C-alpha atoms as a PDB file:
ATOM      1  CA  MET A   1      38.233 -85.080 -14.100  1.00  0.00           C
ATOM      2  CA  THR A   2      39.146 -81.375 -13.777  1.00  0.00           C
ATOM      3  CA  VAL A   3      39.964 -79.375 -16.873  1.00  0.00           C
ATOM      4  CA  VAL A   4      41.438 -75.871 -16.958  1.00  0.00           C
ATOM      5  CA  ILE A   5      39.805 -74.028 -19.866  1.00  0.00           C
ATOM      6  CA  SER A   6      41.414 -70.647 -19.206  1.00  0.00           C
ATOM      7  CA  GLU A   7      42.752 -68.599 -16.298  1.00  0.00           C
ATOM      8  CA  ASN A   8      39.162 -67.779 -15.355  1.00  0.00           C
ATOM      9  CA  GLU A   9      37.418 -71.091 -16.090  1.00  0.00           C
ATOM     10  CA  THR A  10      37.915 -74.560 -14.652  1.00  0.00           C
ATOM     11  CA  LEU A  11      35.468 -77.403 -15.368  1.00  0.00           C
ATOM     12  CA  SER A  12      34.763 -80.670 -13.676  1.00  0.00           C
ATOM     13  CA  LEU A  13      33.772 -83.592 -15.858  1.00  0.00           C
ATOM     14  CA  ASN A  14      32.207 -86.807 -14.602  1.00  0.00           C
ATOM     15  CA  LEU A  15      33.687 -89.588 -16.751  1.00  0.00           C
ATOM     16  CA  LYS A  16      30.848 -91.878 -15.715  1.00  0.00           C
ATOM     17  CA  GLN A  17      28.290 -89.602 -17.293  1.00  0.00           C
ATOM     18  CA  ILE A  18      29.768 -88.970 -20.754  1.00  0.00           C
ATOM     19  CA  PRO A  19      27.092 -88.756 -23.497  1.00  0.00           C
ATOM     20  CA  GLN A  20      27.316 -91.926 -25.506  1.00  0.00           C
ATOM     21  CA  HIS A  21      26.165 -90.310 -28.774  1.00  0.00           C
ATOM     22  CA  VAL A  22      27.244 -86.743 -29.690  1.00  0.00           C
ATOM     23  CA  ALA A  23      26.167 -85.016 -32.901  1.00  0.00           C
ATOM     24  CA  ILE A  24      27.816 -81.876 -34.266  1.00  0.00           C
ATOM     25  CA  ILE A  25      26.752 -79.323 -36.845  1.00  0.00           C
ATOM     26  CA  MET A  26      30.222 -78.162 -37.893  1.00  0.00           C
ATOM     27  CA  ASP A  27      29.364 -74.604 -39.019  1.00  0.00           C
ATOM     28  CA  GLY A  28      31.563 -71.581 -39.761  1.00  0.00           C
ATOM     29  CA  ASN A  29      34.325 -72.801 -42.082  1.00  0.00           C
ATOM     30  CA  ARG A  30      33.649 -70.276 -44.748  1.00  0.00           C
ATOM     31  CA  ARG A  31      33.246 -67.342 -42.321  1.00  0.00           C
ATOM     32  CA  TRP A  32      36.519 -68.385 -40.666  1.00  0.00           C
ATOM     33  CA  ALA A  33      38.328 -68.272 -44.010  1.00  0.00           C
ATOM     34  CA  LYS A  34      36.690 -64.984 -45.100  1.00  0.00           C
ATOM     35  CA  SER A  35      37.696 -63.270 -41.869  1.00  0.00           C
ATOM     36  CA  ARG A  36      41.339 -64.146 -42.689  1.00  0.00           C
ATOM     37  CA  GLY A  37      41.174 -63.267 -46.347  1.00  0.00           C
ATOM     38  CA  LEU A  38      41.514 -66.912 -47.382  1.00  0.00           C
ATOM     39  CA  ALA A  39      39.733 -69.045 -49.934  1.00  0.00           C
ATOM     40  CA  ASP A  40      36.677 -70.899 -48.657  1.00  0.00           C
ATOM     41  CA  ILE A  41      38.281 -74.319 -49.207  1.00  0.00           C
ATOM     42  CA  LEU A  42      41.094 -73.430 -46.746  1.00  0.00           C
ATOM     43  CA  GLY A  43      38.425 -72.987 -44.089  1.00  0.00           C
ATOM     44  CA  HIS A  44      37.049 -76.436 -44.921  1.00  0.00           C
ATOM     45  CA  TRP A  45      40.577 -77.915 -44.710  1.00  0.00           C
ATOM     46  CA  GLN A  46      41.094 -76.403 -41.297  1.00  0.00           C
ATOM     47  CA  GLY A  47      37.679 -77.706 -40.258  1.00  0.00           C
ATOM     48  CA  ALA A  48      38.796 -81.204 -41.313  1.00  0.00           C
ATOM     49  CA  GLU A  49      41.857 -80.893 -39.080  1.00  0.00           C
ATOM     50  CA  VAL A  50      39.672 -79.875 -36.137  1.00  0.00           C
ATOM     51  CA  LEU A  51      37.442 -82.917 -36.736  1.00  0.00           C
ATOM     52  CA  SER A  52      40.474 -85.188 -36.347  1.00  0.00           C
ATOM     53  CA  GLU A  53      41.248 -83.601 -32.990  1.00  0.00           C
ATOM     54  CA  ILE A  54      37.677 -83.839 -31.753  1.00  0.00           C
ATOM     55  CA  VAL A  55      37.445 -87.507 -32.809  1.00  0.00           C
ATOM     56  CA  ALA A  56      40.547 -88.241 -30.781  1.00  0.00           C
ATOM     57  CA  LYS A  57      39.177 -86.490 -27.744  1.00  0.00           C
ATOM     58  CA  ALA A  58      35.827 -88.239 -28.070  1.00  0.00           C
ATOM     59  CA  VAL A  59      37.644 -91.589 -28.016  1.00  0.00           C
ATOM     60  CA  ALA A  60      39.654 -90.540 -24.954  1.00  0.00           C
ATOM     61  CA  LEU A  61      36.490 -89.462 -23.097  1.00  0.00           C
ATOM     62  CA  GLY A  62      34.571 -92.634 -23.921  1.00  0.00           C
ATOM     63  CA  VAL A  63      32.020 -91.255 -26.385  1.00  0.00           C
ATOM     64  CA  LYS A  64      30.781 -94.200 -28.437  1.00  0.00           C
ATOM     65  CA  VAL A  65      29.154 -92.467 -31.443  1.00  0.00           C
ATOM     66  CA  LEU A  66      30.080 -89.141 -33.023  1.00  0.00           C
ATOM     67  CA  THR A  67      27.778 -88.003 -35.855  1.00  0.00           C
ATOM     68  CA  VAL A  68      28.918 -84.951 -37.843  1.00  0.00           C
ATOM     69  CA  TYR A  69      27.183 -82.909 -40.516  1.00  0.00           C
ATOM     70  CA  ALA A  70      29.642 -82.645 -43.434  1.00  0.00           C
ATOM     71  CA  PHE A  71      27.483 -81.986 -46.498  1.00  0.00           C
ATOM     72  CA  SER A  72      23.729 -81.373 -46.587  1.00  0.00           C
ATOM     73  CA  THR A  73      21.189 -81.881 -49.335  1.00  0.00           C
ATOM     74  CA  GLU A  74      20.975 -78.095 -49.501  1.00  0.00           C
ATOM     75  CA  ASN A  75      24.711 -77.652 -50.024  1.00  0.00           C
ATOM     76  CA  TRP A  76      24.350 -78.572 -53.680  1.00  0.00           C
ATOM     77  CA  LYS A  77      23.179 -74.980 -54.185  1.00  0.00           C
ATOM     78  CA  ARG A  78      26.670 -73.701 -53.536  1.00  0.00           C
ATOM     79  CA  ASN A  79      29.196 -72.627 -56.173  1.00  0.00           C
ATOM     80  CA  PRO A  80      30.077 -75.623 -58.359  1.00  0.00           C
ATOM     81  CA  HIS A  81      33.786 -74.961 -57.873  1.00  0.00           C
ATOM     82  CA  GLU A  82      33.408 -75.091 -54.096  1.00  0.00           C
ATOM     83  CA  ILE A  83      31.392 -78.298 -54.355  1.00  0.00           C
ATOM     84  CA  GLU A  84      34.095 -79.902 -56.538  1.00  0.00           C
ATOM     85  CA  ALA A  85      36.774 -78.830 -54.106  1.00  0.00           C
ATOM     86  CA  LEU A  86      34.792 -80.246 -51.200  1.00  0.00           C
ATOM     87  CA  MET A  87      34.433 -83.626 -52.907  1.00  0.00           C
ATOM     88  CA  SER A  88      38.173 -83.717 -53.378  1.00  0.00           C
ATOM     89  CA  LEU A  89      38.750 -82.696 -49.775  1.00  0.00           C
ATOM     90  CA  PHE A  90      36.495 -85.478 -48.489  1.00  0.00           C
ATOM     91  CA  GLU A  91      38.268 -88.028 -50.649  1.00  0.00           C
ATOM     92  CA  VAL A  92      41.771 -86.998 -49.621  1.00  0.00           C
ATOM     93  CA  PHE A  93      40.887 -86.540 -45.950  1.00  0.00           C
ATOM     94  CA  LEU A  94      39.252 -89.923 -45.591  1.00  0.00           C
ATOM     95  CA  PHE A  95      42.071 -91.720 -47.427  1.00  0.00           C
ATOM     96  CA  SER A  96      44.663 -89.990 -45.232  1.00  0.00           C
ATOM     97  CA  GLN A  97      42.844 -90.932 -42.022  1.00  0.00           C
ATOM     98  CA  LYS A  98      42.297 -94.617 -42.846  1.00  0.00           C
ATOM     99  CA  CYS A  99      45.347 -96.092 -41.180  1.00  0.00           C
ATOM    100  CA  GLN A 100      44.981 -93.987 -38.055  1.00  0.00           C
ATOM    101  CA  MET A 101      41.301 -94.907 -37.727  1.00  0.00           C
ATOM    102  CA  GLU A 102      42.172 -98.591 -38.015  1.00  0.00           C
ATOM    103  CA  GLN A 103      44.810 -98.288 -35.321  1.00  0.00           C
ATOM    104  CA  GLU A 104      42.607 -96.316 -32.935  1.00  0.00           C
ATOM    105  CA  GLY A 105      39.529 -98.501 -33.282  1.00  0.00           C
ATOM    106  CA  ILE A 106      37.394 -95.893 -35.071  1.00  0.00           C
ATOM    107  CA  ARG A 107      34.723 -97.328 -37.368  1.00  0.00           C
ATOM    108  CA  LEU A 108      33.430 -95.153 -40.235  1.00  0.00           C
ATOM    109  CA  GLY A 109      29.751 -94.985 -41.015  1.00  0.00           C
ATOM    110  CA  THR A 110      27.652 -92.638 -43.139  1.00  0.00           C
ATOM    111  CA  ILE A 111      24.133 -91.318 -43.282  1.00  0.00           C
ATOM    112  CA  GLY A 112      22.569 -89.659 -46.321  1.00  0.00           C
ATOM    113  CA  ASP A 113      22.062 -90.540 -49.969  1.00  0.00           C
ATOM    114  CA  LEU A 114      25.455 -91.323 -51.453  1.00  0.00           C
ATOM    115  CA  SER A 115      24.115 -92.332 -54.879  1.00  0.00           C
ATOM    116  CA  ILE A 116      24.903 -89.026 -56.619  1.00  0.00           C
ATOM    117  CA  PHE A 117      28.434 -88.639 -55.161  1.00  0.00           C
ATOM    118  CA  PRO A 118      31.438 -88.958 -57.500  1.00  0.00           C
ATOM    119  CA  GLN A 119      32.624 -92.511 -58.011  1.00  0.00           C
ATOM    120  CA  PRO A 120      36.108 -91.835 -56.666  1.00  0.00           C
ATOM    121  CA  LEU A 121      34.684 -90.570 -53.393  1.00  0.00           C
ATOM    122  CA  LYS A 122      32.273 -93.501 -53.151  1.00  0.00           C
ATOM    123  CA  ARG A 123      35.178 -95.936 -53.672  1.00  0.00           C
ATOM    124  CA  VAL A 124      37.190 -94.276 -50.878  1.00  0.00           C
ATOM    125  CA  LEU A 125      34.182 -94.366 -48.562  1.00  0.00           C
ATOM    126  CA  ASP A 126      33.679 -98.113 -49.252  1.00  0.00           C
ATOM    127  CA  ASP A 127      37.422 -98.744 -48.723  1.00  0.00           C
ATOM    128  CA  VAL A 128      37.617 -96.900 -45.399  1.00  0.00           C
ATOM    129  CA  LYS A 129      34.397 -98.475 -44.185  1.00  0.00           C
ATOM    130  CA  GLN A 130      35.733-101.915 -44.970  1.00  0.00           C
ATOM    131  CA  ALA A 131      39.143-101.232 -43.458  1.00  0.00           C
ATOM    132  CA  THR A 132      37.655 -99.874 -40.222  1.00  0.00           C
ATOM    133  CA  SER A 133      34.695-102.237 -39.903  1.00  0.00           C
ATOM    134  CA  HIS A 134      36.178-103.991 -36.802  1.00  0.00           C
ATOM    135  CA  GLY A 135      36.690-100.730 -34.858  1.00  0.00           C
ATOM    136  CA  ASN A 136      35.086-100.886 -31.411  1.00  0.00           C
ATOM    137  CA  LYS A 137      36.157 -97.647 -29.713  1.00  0.00           C
ATOM    138  CA  LEU A 138      34.073 -95.092 -31.621  1.00  0.00           C
ATOM    139  CA  ASP A 139      31.656 -94.999 -34.515  1.00  0.00           C
ATOM    140  CA  LEU A 140      32.373 -91.856 -36.593  1.00  0.00           C
ATOM    141  CA  VAL A 141      29.197 -91.248 -38.588  1.00  0.00           C
ATOM    142  CA  ILE A 142      29.544 -88.660 -41.334  1.00  0.00           C
ATOM    143  CA  ALA A 143      26.407 -87.070 -42.834  1.00  0.00           C
ATOM    144  CA  PHE A 144      27.038 -86.837 -46.579  1.00  0.00           C
ATOM    145  CA  ASN A 145      24.307 -85.469 -48.836  1.00  0.00           C
ATOM    146  CA  TYR A 146      22.082 -85.709 -45.758  1.00  0.00           C
ATOM    147  CA  GLY A 147      18.826 -83.897 -45.058  1.00  0.00           C
ATOM    148  CA  SER A 148      16.491 -84.988 -42.323  1.00  0.00           C
ATOM    149  CA  ARG A 149      13.391 -84.467 -44.430  1.00  0.00           C
ATOM    150  CA  ASP A 150      14.923 -86.647 -47.151  1.00  0.00           C
ATOM    151  CA  ASP A 151      15.848 -89.232 -44.506  1.00  0.00           C
ATOM    152  CA  ILE A 152      12.224 -89.353 -43.376  1.00  0.00           C
ATOM    153  CA  ARG A 153      10.958 -89.365 -46.979  1.00  0.00           C
ATOM    154  CA  ARG A 154      13.116 -92.373 -47.851  1.00  0.00           C
ATOM    155  CA  ALA A 155      12.013 -94.130 -44.664  1.00  0.00           C
ATOM    156  CA  ILE A 156       8.326 -93.641 -45.552  1.00  0.00           C
ATOM    157  CA  ILE A 157       8.918 -95.052 -49.054  1.00  0.00           C
ATOM    158  CA  SER A 158      10.549 -98.136 -47.553  1.00  0.00           C
ATOM    159  CA  ILE A 159       7.744 -98.620 -45.026  1.00  0.00           C
ATOM    160  CA  VAL A 160       5.103 -98.289 -47.726  1.00  0.00           C
ATOM    161  CA  GLU A 161       6.995-100.831 -49.873  1.00  0.00           C
ATOM    162  CA  ASP A 162       7.194-103.268 -46.990  1.00  0.00           C
ATOM    163  CA  CYS A 163       3.478-102.818 -46.317  1.00  0.00           C
ATOM    164  CA  LEU A 164       2.622-103.478 -49.944  1.00  0.00           C
ATOM    165  CA  ASN A 165       4.868-106.557 -49.897  1.00  0.00           C
ATOM    166  CA  LYS A 166       3.175-107.824 -46.730  1.00  0.00           C
ATOM    167  CA  LYS A 167       6.428-107.644 -44.753  1.00  0.00           C
ATOM    168  CA  ILE A 168       4.748-105.463 -42.150  1.00  0.00           C
ATOM    169  CA  ASP A 169       1.171-104.429 -41.398  1.00  0.00           C
ATOM    170  CA  LYS A 170       0.176-100.804 -41.055  1.00  0.00           C
ATOM    171  CA  SER A 171      -0.903-101.538 -37.455  1.00  0.00           C
ATOM    172  CA  GLU A 172       2.786-102.235 -36.698  1.00  0.00           C
ATOM    173  CA  ILE A 173       3.846 -98.714 -37.646  1.00  0.00           C
ATOM    174  CA  THR A 174       5.024 -97.114 -34.402  1.00  0.00           C
ATOM    175  CA  GLU A 175       7.660 -94.474 -33.594  1.00  0.00           C
ATOM    176  CA  THR A 176      10.059 -97.308 -32.800  1.00  0.00           C
ATOM    177  CA  LEU A 177       9.463 -98.933 -36.169  1.00  0.00           C
ATOM    178  CA  ILE A 178       9.922 -95.628 -38.015  1.00  0.00           C
ATOM    179  CA  SER A 179      13.260 -95.132 -36.245  1.00  0.00           C
ATOM    180  CA  ARG A 180      14.382 -98.504 -37.542  1.00  0.00           C
ATOM    181  CA  TYR A 181      13.939 -97.264 -41.119  1.00  0.00           C
ATOM    182  CA  LEU A 182      15.932 -94.060 -40.689  1.00  0.00           C
ATOM    183  CA  ASP A 183      19.599 -93.794 -41.689  1.00  0.00           C
ATOM    184  CA  THR A 184      20.601 -93.543 -37.999  1.00  0.00           C
ATOM    185  CA  ALA A 185      19.036 -96.878 -37.014  1.00  0.00           C
ATOM    186  CA  PRO A 186      22.362 -98.598 -36.248  1.00  0.00           C
ATOM    187  CA  TRP A 187      23.434 -95.859 -33.813  1.00  0.00           C
ATOM    188  CA  GLY A 188      20.273 -94.532 -32.195  1.00  0.00           C
ATOM    189  CA  ASP A 189      19.465 -90.988 -31.189  1.00  0.00           C
ATOM    190  CA  PRO A 190      22.089 -88.427 -29.976  1.00  0.00           C
ATOM    191  CA  ASN A 191      22.245 -87.443 -26.318  1.00  0.00           C
ATOM    192  CA  LEU A 192      23.961 -84.148 -27.147  1.00  0.00           C
ATOM    193  CA  LEU A 193      23.859 -81.893 -30.221  1.00  0.00           C
ATOM    194  CA  ILE A 194      26.587 -79.240 -30.597  1.00  0.00           C
ATOM    195  CA  ARG A 195      26.264 -76.427 -33.125  1.00  0.00           C
ATOM    196  CA  THR A 196      29.157 -74.041 -33.754  1.00  0.00           C
ATOM    197  CA  SER A 197      29.216 -70.494 -35.157  1.00  0.00           C
ATOM    198  CA  GLY A 198      26.283 -69.158 -33.081  1.00  0.00           C
ATOM    199  CA  GLU A 199      23.483 -70.088 -35.453  1.00  0.00           C
ATOM    200  CA  THR A 200      20.378 -71.267 -33.598  1.00  0.00           C
ATOM    201  CA  ARG A 201      18.677 -73.298 -36.298  1.00  0.00           C
ATOM    202  CA  LEU A 202      18.835 -77.060 -36.861  1.00  0.00           C
ATOM    203  CA  SER A 203      19.457 -76.825 -40.630  1.00  0.00           C
ATOM    204  CA  ASN A 204      17.462 -80.002 -41.487  1.00  0.00           C
ATOM    205  CA  PHE A 205      19.773 -82.165 -39.359  1.00  0.00           C
ATOM    206  CA  LEU A 206      18.362 -85.212 -37.488  1.00  0.00           C
ATOM    207  CA  LEU A 207      14.992 -83.615 -36.905  1.00  0.00           C
ATOM    208  CA  TRP A 208      13.305 -86.852 -35.823  1.00  0.00           C
ATOM    209  CA  GLN A 209      16.271 -88.066 -33.817  1.00  0.00           C
ATOM    210  CA  ILE A 210      16.880 -85.035 -31.644  1.00  0.00           C
ATOM    211  CA  SER A 211      13.363 -84.797 -30.176  1.00  0.00           C
ATOM    212  CA  TYR A 212      14.846 -85.064 -26.649  1.00  0.00           C
ATOM    213  CA  THR A 213      18.468 -84.342 -27.360  1.00  0.00           C
ATOM    214  CA  GLU A 214      20.225 -81.665 -25.312  1.00  0.00           C
ATOM    215  CA  VAL A 215      21.303 -78.794 -27.599  1.00  0.00           C
ATOM    216  CA  TYR A 216      24.504 -76.780 -27.015  1.00  0.00           C
ATOM    217  CA  ILE A 217      25.216 -73.737 -29.161  1.00  0.00           C
ATOM    218  CA  THR A 218      28.511 -71.856 -29.197  1.00  0.00           C
ATOM    219  CA  ASP A 219      29.584 -68.749 -31.099  1.00  0.00           C
ATOM    220  CA  ILE A 220      32.962 -70.330 -31.891  1.00  0.00           C
ATOM    221  CA  LEU A 221      33.490 -71.019 -35.588  1.00  0.00           C
ATOM    222  CA  TRP A 222      34.207 -74.675 -36.263  1.00  0.00           C
ATOM    223  CA  PRO A 223      37.870 -74.212 -37.344  1.00  0.00           C
ATOM    224  CA  ASP A 224      38.476 -72.553 -33.942  1.00  0.00           C
ATOM    225  CA  PHE A 225      36.605 -75.217 -31.946  1.00  0.00           C
ATOM    226  CA  SER A 226      39.093 -76.941 -29.602  1.00  0.00           C
ATOM    227  CA  GLU A 227      39.218 -79.986 -27.365  1.00  0.00           C
ATOM    228  CA  HIS A 228      38.518 -77.725 -24.403  1.00  0.00           C
ATOM    229  CA  ASP A 229      35.412 -76.358 -26.143  1.00  0.00           C
ATOM    230  CA  PHE A 230      34.269 -79.953 -26.678  1.00  0.00           C
ATOM    231  CA  ILE A 231      34.819 -80.751 -23.018  1.00  0.00           C
ATOM    232  CA  LYS A 232      32.930 -77.584 -22.042  1.00  0.00           C
ATOM    233  CA  ALA A 233      29.923 -78.685 -24.109  1.00  0.00           C
ATOM    234  CA  ILE A 234      29.893 -82.062 -22.317  1.00  0.00           C
ATOM    235  CA  ALA A 235      30.306 -80.365 -18.931  1.00  0.00           C
ATOM    236  CA  VAL A 236      27.241 -78.151 -19.654  1.00  0.00           C
ATOM    237  CA  TYR A 237      25.344 -81.238 -20.751  1.00  0.00           C
ATOM    238  CA  GLN A 238      26.168 -82.987 -17.445  1.00  0.00           C
ATOM    239  CA  LYS A 239      24.737 -80.093 -15.455  1.00  0.00           C
ATOM    240  CA  ARG A 240      21.348 -80.334 -17.169  1.00  0.00           C
ATOM    241  CA  ARG A 241      18.470 -82.377 -15.861  1.00  0.00           C
ATOM    242  CA  ARG A 242      17.157 -84.552 -18.670  1.00  0.00           C
ATOM    243  CA  ARG A 243      13.444 -84.984 -17.865  1.00  0.00           C
ATOM    244  CA  VAL A 244      12.260 -86.383 -21.201  1.00  0.00           C
ATOM    245  CA  GLY A 245       8.743 -85.086 -20.777  1.00  0.00           C
ATOM    246  CA  CYS A 246       8.464 -85.775 -17.044  1.00  0.00           C
END
């Protein structure tokens, strides 16, 4: 597959080597809005529109799992008005996407602790998960109130409880077993992690899971991230030699 990115850039993509699990840190919504003199929430709305486009392209390319960082455990430190607006955005966006996700075979999943989310949002999440449960084209996994340290903390608590209840023995605790207790257990580890906006940190996202994940960083702010940018990230991934310690 040959893709023209611009007048000066043409990429070749091997459709037989598409990463099966792609994770994205969708960063830059607020900076995008600020640079245009807009309210922060408008940057988040534009970011949601971009997510819809990237999901569609992921399906077309044959990606099987797309995990995106929507709201971290640290994001609760933001302005309460922005948090309230984000909760409403998540609710409206998910509800508006439900029918299309059903039709396109996209199954919704989540990682993170949803217990403190507003009830209306939790109801919409449950509704969309149920409605899309038979999707077999792509698993869209949204990280809500997610932090990797919290993920590992909760996994350790569960392992300790199962040891105390004699469900497992401490001698059985291996890296594989720990992975089975993490939020991402149903989907496995990402092959490719994309971070937008030029930041080079991991921001407490999938720290255990990305031990051997290829990382691609772009200066493009998430609301400006396009299908061509997504294809470029995969093309760069395909050129790398994944040695996994060898």
